PDB file of N, CA and C in Angstrom:
ATOM      1  N   MET A   1       1.808  -2.373  19.078  1.00  0.00           N
ATOM      2  CA  MET A   1       0.659  -3.025  18.354  1.00  0.00           C
ATOM      3  C   MET A   1       0.817  -2.236  17.304  1.00  0.00           C
ATOM      4  N   THR A   2       1.068  -3.315  16.050  1.00  0.00           N
ATOM      5  CA  THR A   2       0.784  -2.429  14.356  1.00  0.00           C
ATOM      6  C   THR A   2       0.093  -2.361  13.619  1.00  0.00           C
ATOM      7  N   MET A   3      -0.602  -1.365  13.067  1.00  0.00           N
ATOM      8  CA  MET A   3      -1.621  -0.880  12.422  1.00  0.00           C
ATOM      9  C   MET A   3      -1.386  -1.772  10.582  1.00  0.00           C
ATOM     10  N   ASN A   4      -2.043  -2.033  10.427  1.00  0.00           N
ATOM     11  CA  ASN A   4      -1.960  -2.600   9.115  1.00  0.00           C
ATOM     12  C   ASN A   4      -2.435  -1.587   7.895  1.00  0.00           C
ATOM     13  N   ARG A   5      -2.277  -1.644   6.328  1.00  0.00           N
ATOM     14  CA  ARG A   5      -2.669  -0.595   5.488  1.00  0.00           C
ATOM     15  C   ARG A   5      -3.732  -0.171   5.963  1.00  0.00           C
ATOM     16  N   PRO A   6      -4.774  -0.993   5.678  1.00  0.00           N
ATOM     17  CA  PRO A   6      -6.452   0.010   5.665  1.00  0.00           C
ATOM     18  C   PRO A   6      -6.608   1.120   7.175  1.00  0.00           C
ATOM     19  N   ARG A   7      -6.198   0.749   8.088  1.00  0.00           N
ATOM     20  CA  ARG A   7      -6.089   1.529   9.305  1.00  0.00           C
ATOM     21  C   ARG A   7      -5.152   2.468   8.511  1.00  0.00           C
ATOM     22  N   TRP A   8      -3.887   2.410   8.389  1.00  0.00           N
ATOM     23  CA  TRP A   8      -3.210   3.988   8.281  1.00  0.00           C
ATOM     24  C   TRP A   8      -4.083   4.320   7.473  1.00  0.00           C
ATOM     25  N   ILE A   9      -4.925   4.000   6.238  1.00  0.00           N
ATOM     26  CA  ILE A   9      -5.315   4.746   5.082  1.00  0.00           C
ATOM     27  C   ILE A   9      -6.213   5.573   5.987  1.00  0.00           C
ATOM     28  N   LEU A  10      -7.282   4.655   6.888  1.00  0.00           N
ATOM     29  CA  LEU A  10      -8.343   5.543   7.823  1.00  0.00           C
ATOM     30  C   LEU A  10      -7.883   6.869   8.441  1.00  0.00           C
ATOM     31  N   LEU A  11      -6.860   6.634   9.084  1.00  0.00           N
ATOM     32  CA  LEU A  11      -6.443   7.678   9.898  1.00  0.00           C
ATOM     33  C   LEU A  11      -5.775   8.746   8.984  1.00  0.00           C
ATOM     34  N   ALA A  12      -5.027   8.320   7.963  1.00  0.00           N
ATOM     35  CA  ALA A  12      -4.799   9.747   7.186  1.00  0.00           C
ATOM     36  C   ALA A  12      -6.532  10.375   6.566  1.00  0.00           C
ATOM     37  N   LEU A  13      -7.306   9.278   6.235  1.00  0.00           N
ATOM     38  CA  LEU A  13      -8.225  10.236   6.324  1.00  0.00           C
ATOM     39  C   LEU A  13      -8.965  11.343   7.048  1.00  0.00           C
ATOM     40  N   ALA A  14      -8.933  10.624   8.505  1.00  0.00           N
ATOM     41  CA  ALA A  14      -9.326  11.402   9.263  1.00  0.00           C
ATOM     42  C   ALA A  14      -8.647  12.669   9.907  1.00  0.00           C
ATOM     43  N   LEU A  15      -7.000  12.211   9.812  1.00  0.00           N
ATOM     44  CA  LEU A  15      -6.602  13.638  10.027  1.00  0.00           C
ATOM     45  C   LEU A  15      -6.169  15.046   9.015  1.00  0.00           C
ATOM     46  N   SER A  16      -6.980  14.214   7.412  1.00  0.00           N
ATOM     47  CA  SER A  16      -7.126  15.156   6.367  1.00  0.00           C
ATOM     48  C   SER A  16      -8.161  15.974   6.794  1.00  0.00           C
ATOM     49  N   PHE A  17      -9.107  15.409   7.706  1.00  0.00           N
ATOM     50  CA  PHE A  17     -10.405  16.580   7.757  1.00  0.00           C
ATOM     51  C   PHE A  17     -10.134  17.488   8.913  1.00  0.00           C
ATOM     52  N   LEU A  18      -8.812  17.218   9.925  1.00  0.00           N
ATOM     53  CA  LEU A  18      -8.570  17.789  10.961  1.00  0.00           C
ATOM     54  C   LEU A  18      -7.222  19.219   9.829  1.00  0.00           C
ATOM     55  N   VAL A  19      -6.764  18.622   9.259  1.00  0.00           N
ATOM     56  CA  VAL A  19      -5.741  19.838   9.160  1.00  0.00           C
ATOM     57  C   VAL A  19      -6.514  20.420   7.509  1.00  0.00           C
ATOM     58  N   VAL A  20      -7.385  20.218   6.944  1.00  0.00           N
ATOM     59  CA  VAL A  20      -8.499  21.055   5.867  1.00  0.00           C
ATOM     60  C   VAL A  20      -9.066  22.195   7.378  1.00  0.00           C
ATOM     61  N   GLY A  21      -9.801  21.078   8.044  1.00  0.00           N
ATOM     62  CA  GLY A  21     -10.510  22.522   9.006  1.00  0.00           C
ATOM     63  C   GLY A  21      -9.747  23.435   9.651  1.00  0.00           C
ATOM     64  N   VAL A  22      -8.077  23.019   9.791  1.00  0.00           N
ATOM     65  CA  VAL A  22      -7.382  24.079  10.515  1.00  0.00           C
ATOM     66  C   VAL A  22      -7.030  25.174   9.364  1.00  0.00           C
ATOM     67  N   ALA A  23      -6.865  24.734   7.960  1.00  0.00           N
ATOM     68  CA  ALA A  23      -6.296  25.365   6.922  1.00  0.00           C
ATOM     69  C   ALA A  23      -7.844  26.321   6.484  1.00  0.00           C
ATOM     70  N   ASP A  24      -8.902  25.851   6.720  1.00  0.00           N
ATOM     71  CA  ASP A  24     -10.275  26.521   5.952  1.00  0.00           C
ATOM     72  C   ASP A  24     -10.255  28.039   6.876  1.00  0.00           C
ATOM     73  N   ALA A  25      -9.661  28.251   8.119  1.00  0.00           N
ATOM     74  CA  ALA A  25      -9.870  29.116   9.282  1.00  0.00           C
ATOM     75  C   ALA A  25      -8.651  30.326   8.717  1.00  0.00           C
ATOM     76  N   PHE A  26      -7.674  29.815   7.725  1.00  0.00           N
ATOM     77  CA  PHE A  26      -6.871  30.840   7.387  1.00  0.00           C
ATOM     78  C   PHE A  26      -6.968  31.817   5.966  1.00  0.00           C
ATOM     79  N   VAL A  27      -8.039  31.242   4.986  1.00  0.00           N
ATOM     80  CA  VAL A  27      -8.468  31.014   4.033  1.00  0.00           C
ATOM     81  C   VAL A  27      -9.903  31.666   3.303  1.00  0.00           C
ATOM     82  N   ALA A  28     -10.172  32.628   2.897  1.00  0.00           N
ATOM     83  CA  ALA A  28     -11.774  32.908   2.857  1.00  0.00           C
ATOM     84  C   ALA A  28     -12.162  32.100   1.863  1.00  0.00           C
ATOM     85  N   PRO A  29     -13.334  31.902   2.011  1.00  0.00           N
ATOM     86  CA  PRO A  29     -13.867  31.166   1.063  1.00  0.00           C
ATOM     87  C   PRO A  29     -13.886  31.323  -0.402  1.00  0.00           C
ATOM     88  N   LEU A  30     -14.306  30.334  -1.369  1.00  0.00           N
ATOM     89  CA  LEU A  30     -14.051  31.292  -3.152  1.00  0.00           C
ATOM     90  C   LEU A  30     -15.727  32.251  -3.170  1.00  0.00           C
ATOM     91  N   ARG A  31     -15.758  33.132  -3.983  1.00  0.00           N
ATOM     92  CA  ARG A  31     -16.505  34.179  -4.452  1.00  0.00           C
ATOM     93  C   ARG A  31     -17.727  33.883  -4.285  1.00  0.00           C
ATOM     94  N   GLY A  32     -18.562  33.576  -3.607  1.00  0.00           N
ATOM     95  CA  GLY A  32     -20.195  33.745  -3.872  1.00  0.00           C
ATOM     96  C   GLY A  32     -20.027  32.062  -3.068  1.00  0.00           C
ATOM     97  N   LYS A  33     -19.485  31.692  -2.541  1.00  0.00           N
ATOM     98  CA  LYS A  33     -19.754  30.142  -2.353  1.00  0.00           C
ATOM     99  C   LYS A  33     -19.356  29.923  -0.529  1.00  0.00           C
ATOM    100  N   ASP A  34     -19.856  28.792  -0.315  1.00  0.00           N
ATOM    101  CA  ASP A  34     -19.340  28.778   1.204  1.00  0.00           C
ATOM    102  C   ASP A  34     -18.343  27.743   1.830  1.00  0.00           C
ATOM    103  N   TYR A  35     -17.526  27.674   0.343  1.00  0.00           N
ATOM    104  CA  TYR A  35     -16.401  26.816   0.613  1.00  0.00           C
ATOM    105  C   TYR A  35     -14.894  27.209   0.197  1.00  0.00           C
ATOM    106  N   THR A  36     -13.334  26.645   0.199  1.00  0.00           N
ATOM    107  CA  THR A  36     -12.473  27.037   0.728  1.00  0.00           C
ATOM    108  C   THR A  36     -12.007  26.258  -0.689  1.00  0.00           C
ATOM    109  N   ALA A  37     -10.874  26.781  -1.443  1.00  0.00           N
ATOM    110  CA  ALA A  37      -9.816  25.888  -2.269  1.00  0.00           C
ATOM    111  C   ALA A  37      -9.539  24.597  -1.692  1.00  0.00           C
ATOM    112  N   PHE A  38      -9.259  24.587  -0.115  1.00  0.00           N
ATOM    113  CA  PHE A  38      -8.744  23.912  -0.068  1.00  0.00           C
ATOM    114  C   PHE A  38      -9.902  22.548   0.131  1.00  0.00           C
ATOM    115  N   ASP A  39     -11.224  22.826   0.546  1.00  0.00           N
ATOM    116  CA  ASP A  39     -12.460  22.153   0.333  1.00  0.00           C
ATOM    117  C   ASP A  39     -12.431  21.349  -0.965  1.00  0.00           C
ATOM    118  N   VAL A  40     -12.281  22.133  -2.215  1.00  0.00           N
ATOM    119  CA  VAL A  40     -12.017  21.610  -3.514  1.00  0.00           C
ATOM    120  C   VAL A  40     -11.213  20.575  -3.236  1.00  0.00           C
ATOM    121  N   VAL A  41      -9.652  20.651  -3.011  1.00  0.00           N
ATOM    122  CA  VAL A  41      -8.613  19.554  -2.911  1.00  0.00           C
ATOM    123  C   VAL A  41      -8.833  18.609  -2.332  1.00  0.00           C
ATOM    124  N   HIS A  42      -9.763  18.551  -0.967  1.00  0.00           N
ATOM    125  CA  HIS A  42     -10.035  17.867  -0.265  1.00  0.00           C
ATOM    126  C   HIS A  42     -11.327  17.042  -0.867  1.00  0.00           C
ATOM    127  N   VAL A  43     -12.017  16.945  -1.771  1.00  0.00           N
ATOM    128  CA  VAL A  43     -12.778  16.175  -1.880  1.00  0.00           C
ATOM    129  C   VAL A  43     -12.385  15.267  -2.653  1.00  0.00           C
ATOM    130  N   PHE A  44     -10.890  15.611  -3.858  1.00  0.00           N
ATOM    131  CA  PHE A  44     -10.265  14.752  -4.470  1.00  0.00           C
ATOM    132  C   PHE A  44      -9.166  14.030  -3.794  1.00  0.00           C
ATOM    133  N   LEU A  45      -8.842  14.271  -2.881  1.00  0.00           N
ATOM    134  CA  LEU A  45      -8.254  13.268  -1.725  1.00  0.00           C
ATOM    135  C   LEU A  45      -9.088  12.335  -1.138  1.00  0.00           C
ATOM    136  N   ILE A  46     -10.499  12.837  -0.588  1.00  0.00           N
ATOM    137  CA  ILE A  46     -11.254  12.118   0.059  1.00  0.00           C
ATOM    138  C   ILE A  46     -11.626  10.838  -0.855  1.00  0.00           C
ATOM    139  N   SER A  47     -11.919  11.048  -2.111  1.00  0.00           N
ATOM    140  CA  SER A  47     -12.028  10.221  -3.137  1.00  0.00           C
ATOM    141  C   SER A  47     -10.815   9.401  -3.447  1.00  0.00           C
ATOM    142  N   ALA A  48      -9.581   9.906  -3.753  1.00  0.00           N
ATOM    143  CA  ALA A  48      -8.542   8.713  -3.513  1.00  0.00           C
ATOM    144  C   ALA A  48      -8.034   8.091  -2.423  1.00  0.00           C
ATOM    145  N   LEU A  49      -8.325   8.406  -0.976  1.00  0.00           N
ATOM    146  CA  LEU A  49      -7.825   7.680  -0.116  1.00  0.00           C
ATOM    147  C   LEU A  49      -8.989   6.547  -0.021  1.00  0.00           C
ATOM    148  N   CYS A  50     -10.074   7.183  -0.533  1.00  0.00           N
ATOM    149  CA  CYS A  50     -11.737   6.156   0.061  1.00  0.00           C
ATOM    150  C   CYS A  50     -11.381   4.341  -1.262  1.00  0.00           C
ATOM    151  N   TYR A  51     -11.053   4.833  -2.082  1.00  0.00           N
ATOM    152  CA  TYR A  51     -10.512   3.983  -3.368  1.00  0.00           C
ATOM    153  C   TYR A  51      -9.338   3.276  -3.024  1.00  0.00           C
ATOM    154  N   MET A  52      -8.456   4.029  -1.915  1.00  0.00           N
ATOM    155  CA  MET A  52      -7.569   3.195  -1.269  1.00  0.00           C
ATOM    156  C   MET A  52      -7.711   2.564  -0.851  1.00  0.00           C
ATOM    157  N   TRP A  53      -9.013   2.678   0.263  1.00  0.00           N
ATOM    158  CA  TRP A  53      -8.548   1.884   1.282  1.00  0.00           C
ATOM    159  C   TRP A  53      -9.783   0.338   1.250  1.00  0.00           C
ATOM    160  N   CYS A  54     -10.245   0.997  -0.051  1.00  0.00           N
ATOM    161  CA  CYS A  54     -11.664  -0.250  -0.665  1.00  0.00           C
ATOM    162  C   CYS A  54      -9.796  -1.610  -1.197  1.00  0.00           C
ATOM    163  N   ARG A  55      -9.141  -0.711  -1.966  1.00  0.00           N
ATOM    164  CA  ARG A  55      -8.229  -1.902  -2.252  1.00  0.00           C
ATOM    165  C   ARG A  55      -7.665  -2.549  -1.352  1.00  0.00           C
ATOM    166  N   ALA A  56      -6.871  -1.525  -0.564  1.00  0.00           N
ATOM    167  CA  ALA A  56      -6.392  -2.245   0.849  1.00  0.00           C
ATOM    168  C   ALA A  56      -6.997  -3.141   1.642  1.00  0.00           C
ATOM    169  N   ASP A  57      -8.268  -2.491   1.901  1.00  0.00           N
ATOM    170  CA  ASP A  57      -9.097  -3.955   2.657  1.00  0.00           C
ATOM    171  C   ASP A  57      -8.716  -5.384   2.036  1.00  0.00           C
ATOM    172  N   GLY A  58      -9.892  -5.095   0.964  1.00  0.00           N
ATOM    173  CA  GLY A  58      -9.624  -6.587  -0.206  1.00  0.00           C
ATOM    174  C   GLY A  58      -8.621  -6.965  -0.147  1.00  0.00           C
ATOM    175  N   TRP A  59      -7.280  -6.145  -0.529  1.00  0.00           N
ATOM    176  CA  TRP A  59      -6.136  -7.280  -0.483  1.00  0.00           C
ATOM    177  C   TRP A  59      -5.707  -7.676   0.754  1.00  0.00           C
ATOM    178  N   GLU A  60      -5.833  -7.170   2.062  1.00  0.00           N
ATOM    179  CA  GLU A  60      -5.795  -7.405   3.421  1.00  0.00           C
ATOM    180  C   GLU A  60      -6.682  -8.892   3.988  1.00  0.00           C
ATOM    181  N   ARG A  61      -7.996  -8.602   3.017  1.00  0.00           N
ATOM    182  CA  ARG A  61      -8.800  -9.671   3.849  1.00  0.00           C
ATOM    183  C   ARG A  61      -8.987 -10.915   2.950  1.00  0.00           C
ATOM    184  N   GLY A  62      -7.824 -11.034   1.485  1.00  0.00           N
ATOM    185  CA  GLY A  62      -7.497 -11.853   0.367  1.00  0.00           C
ATOM    186  C   GLY A  62      -9.060 -11.849  -0.121  1.00  0.00           C
ATOM    187  N   VAL A  63      -9.685 -10.587   0.027  1.00  0.00           N
ATOM    188  CA  VAL A  63     -10.591 -10.532  -1.170  1.00  0.00           C
ATOM    189  C   VAL A  63     -10.626  -9.575  -2.241  1.00  0.00           C
ATOM    190  N   PRO A  64     -10.344  -9.831  -3.458  1.00  0.00           N
ATOM    191  CA  PRO A  64     -10.511  -8.665  -4.489  1.00  0.00           C
ATOM    192  C   PRO A  64     -11.860  -7.626  -4.559  1.00  0.00           C
ATOM    193  N   ALA A  65     -12.198  -6.921  -4.844  1.00  0.00           N
ATOM    194  CA  ALA A  65     -13.296  -6.006  -5.387  1.00  0.00           C
ATOM    195  C   ALA A  65     -14.040  -6.254  -5.940  1.00  0.00           C
ATOM    196  N   PRO A  66     -15.042  -6.864  -5.491  1.00  0.00           N
ATOM    197  CA  PRO A  66     -16.233  -6.907  -6.913  1.00  0.00           C
ATOM    198  C   PRO A  66     -16.298  -6.349  -7.647  1.00  0.00           C
ATOM    199  N   GLY A  67     -16.072  -6.463  -8.961  1.00  0.00           N
ATOM    200  CA  GLY A  67     -16.587  -5.324  -9.796  1.00  0.00           C
ATOM    201  C   GLY A  67     -16.116  -4.217 -10.024  1.00  0.00           C
ATOM    202  N   ARG A  68     -16.446  -3.295 -10.149  1.00  0.00           N
ATOM    203  CA  ARG A  68     -16.325  -1.566  -9.725  1.00  0.00           C
ATOM    204  C   ARG A  68     -16.687  -0.634  -8.558  1.00  0.00           C
ATOM    205  N   SER A  69     -16.511  -1.811  -7.265  1.00  0.00           N
ATOM    206  CA  SER A  69     -17.076  -0.950  -6.096  1.00  0.00           C
ATOM    207  C   SER A  69     -16.223  -0.544  -5.782  1.00  0.00           C
ATOM    208  N   ALA A  70     -14.994  -0.759  -5.708  1.00  0.00           N
ATOM    209  CA  ALA A  70     -13.744   0.442  -5.092  1.00  0.00           C
ATOM    210  C   ALA A  70     -13.809   1.385  -5.772  1.00  0.00           C
ATOM    211  N   LEU A  71     -14.051   1.720  -7.220  1.00  0.00           N
ATOM    212  CA  LEU A  71     -14.164   2.500  -8.480  1.00  0.00           C
ATOM    213  C   LEU A  71     -15.195   3.582  -7.828  1.00  0.00           C
ATOM    214  N   LEU A  72     -16.596   2.899  -7.600  1.00  0.00           N
ATOM    215  CA  LEU A  72     -17.579   3.917  -7.077  1.00  0.00           C
ATOM    216  C   LEU A  72     -17.431   4.075  -5.578  1.00  0.00           C
ATOM    217  N   ALA A  73     -16.639   3.578  -4.797  1.00  0.00           N
ATOM    218  CA  ALA A  73     -16.542   3.915  -3.375  1.00  0.00           C
ATOM    219  C   ALA A  73     -15.694   5.841  -3.704  1.00  0.00           C
ATOM    220  N   GLY A  74     -14.844   5.306  -4.270  1.00  0.00           N
ATOM    221  CA  GLY A  74     -13.716   6.659  -4.915  1.00  0.00           C
ATOM    222  C   GLY A  74     -14.354   7.790  -5.418  1.00  0.00           C
ATOM    223  N   VAL A  75     -15.467   7.368  -6.369  1.00  0.00           N
ATOM    224  CA  VAL A  75     -15.844   8.416  -7.040  1.00  0.00           C
ATOM    225  C   VAL A  75     -17.289   9.086  -6.047  1.00  0.00           C
ATOM    226  N   PHE A  76     -17.865   8.307  -5.488  1.00  0.00           N
ATOM    227  CA  PHE A  76     -19.331   8.632  -4.949  1.00  0.00           C
ATOM    228  C   PHE A  76     -19.090   7.890  -3.598  1.00  0.00           C
ATOM    229  N   PRO A  77     -18.305   8.371  -2.425  1.00  0.00           N
ATOM    230  CA  PRO A  77     -17.835   7.485  -1.339  1.00  0.00           C
ATOM    231  C   PRO A  77     -19.505   7.261  -0.519  1.00  0.00           C
ATOM    232  N   VAL A  78     -20.002   8.353  -0.215  1.00  0.00           N
ATOM    233  CA  VAL A  78     -21.371   8.281   0.265  1.00  0.00           C
ATOM    234  C   VAL A  78     -22.144   6.854  -0.160  1.00  0.00           C
ATOM    235  N   LEU A  79     -22.302   6.437  -1.536  1.00  0.00           N
ATOM    236  CA  LEU A  79     -22.705   5.448  -1.841  1.00  0.00           C
ATOM    237  C   LEU A  79     -21.826   4.412  -1.793  1.00  0.00           C
ATOM    238  N   GLY A  80     -20.835   4.705  -2.296  1.00  0.00           N
ATOM    239  CA  GLY A  80     -19.673   3.585  -2.891  1.00  0.00           C
ATOM    240  C   GLY A  80     -19.200   2.590  -1.836  1.00  0.00           C
ATOM    241  N   ILE A  81     -18.861   2.931  -0.601  1.00  0.00           N
ATOM    242  CA  ILE A  81     -18.638   2.370   0.684  1.00  0.00           C
ATOM    243  C   ILE A  81     -19.516   1.068   0.800  1.00  0.00           C
ATOM    244  N   PRO A  82     -21.216   1.773   1.609  1.00  0.00           N
ATOM    245  CA  PRO A  82     -21.939   1.032   1.444  1.00  0.00           C
ATOM    246  C   PRO A  82     -21.914  -0.303   0.632  1.00  0.00           C
ATOM    247  N   ILE A  83     -21.576   0.029  -0.803  1.00  0.00           N
ATOM    248  CA  ILE A  83     -22.201  -1.101  -1.877  1.00  0.00           C
ATOM    249  C   ILE A  83     -20.806  -1.715  -1.777  1.00  0.00           C
ATOM    250  N   TYR A  84     -19.385  -1.649  -1.261  1.00  0.00           N
ATOM    251  CA  TYR A  84     -18.695  -2.241  -1.433  1.00  0.00           C
ATOM    252  C   TYR A  84     -18.523  -3.206  -0.250  1.00  0.00           C
ATOM    253  N   PHE A  85     -19.223  -2.526   1.220  1.00  0.00           N
ATOM    254  CA  PHE A  85     -19.839  -3.616   2.141  1.00  0.00           C
ATOM    255  C   PHE A  85     -20.841  -5.135   2.078  1.00  0.00           C
ATOM    256  N   PHE A  86     -21.613  -4.276   1.308  1.00  0.00           N
ATOM    257  CA  PHE A  86     -22.622  -5.333   0.876  1.00  0.00           C
ATOM    258  C   PHE A  86     -22.582  -6.190  -0.180  1.00  0.00           C
ATOM    259  N   ARG A  87     -21.302  -6.053  -1.184  1.00  0.00           N
ATOM    260  CA  ARG A  87     -20.829  -7.203  -2.024  1.00  0.00           C
ATOM    261  C   ARG A  87     -19.387  -8.023  -1.337  1.00  0.00           C
ATOM    262  N   THR A  88     -19.214  -7.277  -0.173  1.00  0.00           N
ATOM    263  CA  THR A  88     -17.686  -7.883   0.367  1.00  0.00           C
ATOM    264  C   THR A  88     -17.919  -8.455   1.258  1.00  0.00           C
ATOM    265  N   ARG A  89     -19.131  -8.693   1.938  1.00  0.00           N
ATOM    266  CA  ARG A  89     -19.568  -9.094   3.251  1.00  0.00           C
ATOM    267  C   ARG A  89     -21.078  -9.713   3.151  1.00  0.00           C
ATOM    268  N   PRO A  90     -21.171 -10.782   4.632  1.00  0.00           N
ATOM    269  CA  PRO A  90     -22.637 -11.144   4.706  1.00  0.00           C
ATOM    270  C   PRO A  90     -23.401  -9.371   5.513  1.00  0.00           C
ATOM    271  N   TRP A  91     -24.624  -9.949   4.944  1.00  0.00           N
ATOM    272  CA  TRP A  91     -25.676  -8.296   5.142  1.00  0.00           C
ATOM    273  C   TRP A  91     -25.760  -8.079   6.115  1.00  0.00           C
ATOM    274  N   ARG A  92     -25.406  -8.598   7.433  1.00  0.00           N
ATOM    275  CA  ARG A  92     -25.734  -8.011   8.712  1.00  0.00           C
ATOM    276  C   ARG A  92     -24.488  -7.324   9.218  1.00  0.00           C
ATOM    277  N   ARG A  93     -23.372  -8.388   8.717  1.00  0.00           N
ATOM    278  CA  ARG A  93     -21.793  -7.169   8.687  1.00  0.00           C
ATOM    279  C   ARG A  93     -21.888  -6.269   8.410  1.00  0.00           C
ATOM    280  N   ALA A  94     -22.086  -6.169   7.025  1.00  0.00           N
ATOM    281  CA  ALA A  94     -22.237  -4.982   6.586  1.00  0.00           C
ATOM    282  C   ALA A  94     -23.064  -4.117   6.430  1.00  0.00           C
ATOM    283  N   LEU A  95     -24.207  -4.072   7.448  1.00  0.00           N
ATOM    284  CA  LEU A  95     -25.245  -3.047   7.728  1.00  0.00           C
ATOM    285  C   LEU A  95     -24.106  -2.505   9.411  1.00  0.00           C
ATOM    286  N   LEU A  96     -23.743  -3.808   9.478  1.00  0.00           N
ATOM    287  CA  LEU A  96     -22.760  -2.715  10.738  1.00  0.00           C
ATOM    288  C   LEU A  96     -21.760  -2.245  10.412  1.00  0.00           C
ATOM    289  N   LEU A  97     -21.093  -2.315   8.877  1.00  0.00           N
ATOM    290  CA  LEU A  97     -19.750  -1.909   8.897  1.00  0.00           C
ATOM    291  C   LEU A  97     -20.462  -0.385   8.249  1.00  0.00           C
ATOM    292  N   THR A  98     -21.724  -0.628   7.696  1.00  0.00           N
ATOM    293  CA  THR A  98     -22.007   1.052   7.215  1.00  0.00           C
ATOM    294  C   THR A  98     -22.380   1.590   8.372  1.00  0.00           C
ATOM    295  N   LEU A  99     -23.107   1.219   9.241  1.00  0.00           N
ATOM    296  CA  LEU A  99     -23.447   2.737  10.936  1.00  0.00           C
ATOM    297  C   LEU A  99     -22.108   3.040  10.895  1.00  0.00           C
ATOM    298  N   GLY A 100     -21.305   1.830  11.179  1.00  0.00           N
ATOM    299  CA  GLY A 100     -19.652   2.438  11.647  1.00  0.00           C
ATOM    300  C   GLY A 100     -19.314   3.708  10.741  1.00  0.00           C
ATOM    301  N   ALA A 101     -19.216   3.337   9.324  1.00  0.00           N
ATOM    302  CA  ALA A 101     -18.871   4.287   8.192  1.00  0.00           C
ATOM    303  C   ALA A 101     -19.430   5.274   8.694  1.00  0.00           C
ATOM    304  N   THR A 102     -20.690   6.192   8.777  1.00  0.00           N
ATOM    305  CA  THR A 102     -21.901   6.676   9.235  1.00  0.00           C
ATOM    306  C   THR A 102     -21.199   7.534  10.099  1.00  0.00           C
ATOM    307  N   GLY A 103     -20.729   6.284  11.427  1.00  0.00           N
ATOM    308  CA  GLY A 103     -20.070   7.067  12.806  1.00  0.00           C
ATOM    309  C   GLY A 103     -18.887   8.367  12.171  1.00  0.00           C
ATOM    310  N   PHE A 104     -17.802   7.264  11.398  1.00  0.00           N
ATOM    311  CA  PHE A 104     -16.933   7.735  11.022  1.00  0.00           C
ATOM    312  C   PHE A 104     -17.065   9.265  10.315  1.00  0.00           C
ATOM    313  N   LEU A 105     -17.502   9.096   9.723  1.00  0.00           N
ATOM    314  CA  LEU A 105     -18.113  10.037   9.204  1.00  0.00           C
ATOM    315  C   LEU A 105     -18.226  11.287   9.835  1.00  0.00           C
ATOM    316  N   ALA A 106     -19.038  11.233  10.700  1.00  0.00           N
ATOM    317  CA  ALA A 106     -20.022  12.298  11.472  1.00  0.00           C
ATOM    318  C   ALA A 106     -18.536  12.654  12.530  1.00  0.00           C
ATOM    319  N   MET A 107     -17.505  11.557  13.001  1.00  0.00           N
ATOM    320  CA  MET A 107     -16.423  12.013  13.541  1.00  0.00           C
ATOM    321  C   MET A 107     -15.634  13.071  12.873  1.00  0.00           C
ATOM    322  N   SER A 108     -15.318  12.348  11.398  1.00  0.00           N
ATOM    323  CA  SER A 108     -14.378  13.628  10.691  1.00  0.00           C
ATOM    324  C   SER A 108     -15.118  15.300  10.385  1.00  0.00           C
ATOM    325  N   LEU A 109     -16.076  14.950  10.304  1.00  0.00           N
ATOM    326  CA  LEU A 109     -16.476  16.333  10.214  1.00  0.00           C
ATOM    327  C   LEU A 109     -16.831  17.323  11.800  1.00  0.00           C
ATOM    328  N   VAL A 110     -16.854  16.609  12.527  1.00  0.00           N
ATOM    329  CA  VAL A 110     -16.244  17.082  14.082  1.00  0.00           C
ATOM    330  C   VAL A 110     -14.861  17.486  14.135  1.00  0.00           C
ATOM    331  N   LEU A 111     -14.369  16.643  13.401  1.00  0.00           N
ATOM    332  CA  LEU A 111     -12.226  16.800  13.478  1.00  0.00           C
ATOM    333  C   LEU A 111     -12.393  18.361  12.776  1.00  0.00           C
ATOM    334  N   ALA A 112     -13.226  18.398  11.971  1.00  0.00           N
ATOM    335  CA  ALA A 112     -12.969  19.553  10.831  1.00  0.00           C
ATOM    336  C   ALA A 112     -13.346  20.272  11.249  1.00  0.00           C
ATOM    337  N   ALA A 113     -14.508  20.539  12.156  1.00  0.00           N
ATOM    338  CA  ALA A 113     -15.090  21.621  12.858  1.00  0.00           C
ATOM    339  C   ALA A 113     -14.155  22.097  14.290  1.00  0.00           C
ATOM    340  N   VAL A 114     -13.945  21.366  14.743  1.00  0.00           N
ATOM    341  CA  VAL A 114     -12.707  21.724  15.991  1.00  0.00           C
ATOM    342  C   VAL A 114     -11.441  22.378  15.582  1.00  0.00           C
ATOM    343  N   GLY A 115     -10.996  21.807  13.967  1.00  0.00           N
ATOM    344  CA  GLY A 115      -9.799  22.506  13.501  1.00  0.00           C
ATOM    345  C   GLY A 115     -10.229  23.793  13.406  1.00  0.00           C
ATOM    346  N   THR A 116     -11.275  24.104  13.084  1.00  0.00           N
ATOM    347  CA  THR A 116     -11.707  25.466  12.257  1.00  0.00           C
ATOM    348  C   THR A 116     -11.571  26.308  13.490  1.00  0.00           C
ATOM    349  N   LEU A 117     -12.498  25.767  14.738  1.00  0.00           N
ATOM    350  CA  LEU A 117     -12.943  26.193  15.659  1.00  0.00           C
ATOM    351  C   LEU A 117     -11.805  26.933  16.704  1.00  0.00           C
ATOM    352  N   SER A 118     -10.723  26.077  16.517  1.00  0.00           N
ATOM    353  CA  SER A 118      -9.771  26.219  17.664  1.00  0.00           C
ATOM    354  C   SER A 118      -8.826  27.122  17.067  1.00  0.00           C
ATOM    355  N   ILE A 119      -8.676  27.253  16.081  1.00  0.00           N
ATOM    356  CA  ILE A 119      -8.251  28.735  15.151  1.00  0.00           C
ATOM    357  C   ILE A 119      -8.715  29.748  15.383  1.00  0.00           C
ATOM    358  N   GLU A 120      -9.913  29.531  15.233  1.00  0.00           N
ATOM    359  CA  GLU A 120     -10.880  30.710  15.229  1.00  0.00           C
ATOM    360  C   GLU A 120     -11.035  30.999  16.976  1.00  0.00           C
ATOM    361  N   PHE A 121     -10.378  30.371  17.741  1.00  0.00           N
ATOM    362  CA  PHE A 121     -10.814  31.081  19.182  1.00  0.00           C
ATOM    363  C   PHE A 121      -9.289  31.321  19.644  1.00  0.00           C
ATOM    364  N   VAL A 122      -7.873  30.801  18.953  1.00  0.00           N
ATOM    365  CA  VAL A 122      -6.683  31.379  19.527  1.00  0.00           C
ATOM    366  C   VAL A 122      -6.696  32.798  18.936  1.00  0.00           C
ATOM    367  N   ARG A 123      -7.276  32.890  17.541  1.00  0.00           N
ATOM    368  CA  ARG A 123      -7.079  34.119  16.797  1.00  0.00           C
ATOM    369  C   ARG A 123      -8.075  35.653  17.685  1.00  0.00           C
ATOM    370  N   GLY A 124      -8.737  34.692  18.077  1.00  0.00           N
ATOM    371  CA  GLY A 124      -9.837  35.491  18.971  1.00  0.00           C
ATOM    372  C   GLY A 124     -10.860  36.725  18.128  1.00  0.00           C
TER     373      GLY A 124
END
């Protein structure tokens, strides 16, 4: 079974959370903050991948992203992805996909935590 481009982008997005989770275990947080430099870079990577996913999804389905939905998904994914769904699909399908995207986000955050905790566990 071959994966289409949007699925490859989603896989890269999920793996980016795992990789950053592992990297966070090796780097101290920024002074006075709860996040590391990897987390800051990861925000830009998430934005780029969300934008790329919207464009690839629209291209794959033969539907160009209406207006600036893909750009909004890249700039502010938590709001932009649901807007993209509701502009490109019937509302019931868009609602289900929004719930799925919420689950994907939760799974990605768990992957980041697993990455960090696995390194912390190995280091003792």
